[in-house]
Amino acid sequence: VKLVESGGGLVQAGGSLRLSCAASGKIFSINAMGWYRQAPGKQQRDLVASINSGSTNYADSVKGRFTISRDNAKNTVNLQMDSLRAEDAAVYYCNADVSHRAGGPTVRYWGQGTQVTVSS
């Protein structure tokens, strides 16, 4: 399974970006999909938003500014980011919890990451 992200780039503070992620390969079904980010100098990736069966979850820092959406038919997940702040700058990674067969376990896959830079 391969996850390919797109849509990162440079934006001014207060601006918007839309990230997209498409999953392909041997996929029977996908449970949760989501976005994490790793800020400069930080070792860990932090959850930004996730979506599963229409239920969404957001980090407190992005609530009201970011919107996650999903197209199940296309195995894609998007992240609309509005009112961007300097502290949103990070490498953003998408993930997908994939089942390869009916009744099988889920495996979490990650994309390669896309850079988001916010200028003040």
Protein backbone atom coordinates (compact mmCIF):
# COMPACT_ATOMS: atom_id res chain seq x y z
CA VAL A 1 0.00 0.00 0.00
CA LYS A 2 1.29 3.41 -0.93
CA LEU A 3 0.10 6.77 0.37
CA VAL A 4 0.97 9.84 -1.68
CA GLU A 5 0.47 13.32 -0.26
CA SER A 6 0.24 16.57 -2.15
CA GLY A 7 -0.65 20.19 -1.56
CA GLY A 8 2.03 21.40 0.80
CA GLY A 9 3.95 24.59 0.23
CA LEU A 10 4.61 28.12 1.42
CA VAL A 11 1.77 30.32 2.59
CA GLN A 12 1.48 33.57 4.50
CA ALA A 13 0.04 33.60 7.99
CA GLY A 14 -3.73 33.80 7.76
CA GLY A 15 -3.77 31.99 4.44
CA SER A 16 -5.04 28.56 3.44
CA LEU A 17 -3.71 25.32 2.07
CA ARG A 18 -5.39 22.06 1.15
CA LEU A 19 -3.53 18.80 1.59
CA SER A 20 -4.57 15.63 -0.19
CA CYS A 21 -3.54 12.03 0.28
CA ALA A 22 -4.36 9.08 -1.95
CA ALA A 23 -3.95 5.44 -0.92
CA SER A 24 -3.36 2.73 -3.51
CA GLY A 25 -2.37 -0.91 -3.62
CA LYS A 26 -3.81 -4.06 -2.07
CA ILE A 27 -6.67 -2.55 -0.10
CA PHE A 28 -9.75 -4.42 1.02
CA SER A 29 -10.98 -1.65 3.27
CA ILE A 30 -9.67 1.37 5.15
CA ASN A 31 -10.78 2.14 8.67
CA ALA A 32 -9.42 5.41 10.02
CA MET A 33 -7.47 7.91 7.96
CA GLY A 34 -5.72 10.89 9.39
CA TRP A 35 -3.08 13.57 9.39
CA TYR A 36 -0.16 14.02 11.75
CA ARG A 37 2.55 16.66 11.76
CA GLN A 38 6.12 16.90 12.93
CA ALA A 39 7.30 20.38 13.76
CA PRO A 40 10.92 21.45 13.27
CA GLY A 41 13.16 20.21 16.06
CA LYS A 42 10.55 17.82 17.45
CA GLN A 43 11.04 14.09 17.51
CA GLN A 44 7.41 13.05 17.58
CA ARG A 45 4.52 13.35 15.22
CA ASP A 46 1.39 14.87 16.69
CA LEU A 47 -2.15 14.10 15.63
CA VAL A 48 -3.78 16.90 13.65
CA ALA A 49 -7.04 15.26 12.62
CA SER A 50 -8.55 11.87 11.93
CA ILE A 51 -11.72 10.53 10.36
CA ASN A 52 -13.41 7.15 10.65
CA SER A 53 -16.92 6.24 9.52
CA GLY A 54 -17.76 9.92 9.30
CA SER A 55 -16.63 10.70 12.83
CA THR A 56 -13.87 13.29 13.06
CA ASN A 57 -11.32 14.14 15.70
CA TYR A 58 -9.15 17.25 15.85
CA ALA A 59 -6.26 18.50 17.91
CA ASP A 60 -7.38 21.39 20.07
CA SER A 61 -4.92 23.71 18.36
CA VAL A 62 -6.59 23.31 14.95
CA LYS A 63 -10.27 23.09 15.87
CA GLY A 64 -12.31 25.61 13.92
CA ARG A 65 -9.49 26.21 11.43
CA PHE A 66 -8.83 22.80 9.84
CA THR A 67 -11.34 20.45 8.24
CA ILE A 68 -10.69 16.81 7.41
CA SER A 69 -12.70 15.04 4.75
CA ARG A 70 -12.60 11.72 3.00
CA ASP A 71 -13.67 10.08 -0.25
CA ASN A 72 -14.10 6.39 0.50
CA ALA A 73 -14.61 5.45 -3.14
CA LYS A 74 -11.26 6.97 -4.08
CA ASN A 75 -9.39 6.09 -0.85
CA THR A 76 -8.42 9.70 -0.38
CA VAL A 77 -8.30 12.01 2.61
CA ASN A 78 -8.02 15.78 2.52
CA LEU A 79 -7.11 18.42 5.05
CA GLN A 80 -8.37 21.96 4.46
CA MET A 81 -6.24 24.31 6.51
CA ASP A 82 -7.47 27.87 7.00
CA SER A 83 -6.22 30.77 9.11
CA LEU A 84 -2.77 29.25 9.15
CA ARG A 85 -0.35 30.33 11.85
CA ALA A 86 3.40 30.21 12.14
CA GLU A 87 3.08 27.35 14.63
CA ASP A 88 1.31 25.21 12.01
CA ALA A 89 4.54 24.94 10.04
CA ALA A 90 5.62 21.31 9.96
CA VAL A 91 5.95 18.25 7.82
CA TYR A 92 2.47 16.77 7.48
CA TYR A 93 1.99 13.02 7.17
CA CYS A 94 -1.16 11.17 6.25
CA ASN A 95 -1.93 7.69 7.46
CA ALA A 96 -4.44 4.96 6.76
CA ASP A 97 -5.44 1.87 8.74
CA VAL A 98 -5.79 -0.74 6.00
CA SER A 99 -7.28 -4.23 5.95
CA HIS A 100 -5.94 -6.44 3.18
CA ARG A 101 -8.73 -9.04 3.41
CA ALA A 102 -12.17 -9.52 4.91
CA GLY A 103 -11.88 -10.01 8.64
CA GLY A 104 -8.16 -9.42 8.56
CA PRO A 105 -6.18 -7.16 10.88
CA THR A 106 -5.55 -3.54 10.06
CA VAL A 107 -2.08 -2.24 9.27
CA ARG A 108 -1.19 1.44 9.57
CA TYR A 109 0.54 2.93 6.56
CA TRP A 110 2.16 6.34 6.28
CA GLY A 111 2.82 8.76 3.50
CA GLN A 112 6.22 10.29 2.84
CA GLY A 113 5.25 13.68 4.23
CA THR A 114 4.65 17.10 2.72
CA GLN A 115 6.17 20.34 3.97
CA VAL A 116 3.98 23.22 5.09
CA THR A 117 5.77 26.52 5.67
CA VAL A 118 3.97 29.55 7.09
CA SER A 119 5.55 32.96 6.77
CA SER A 120 4.67 35.75 9.15
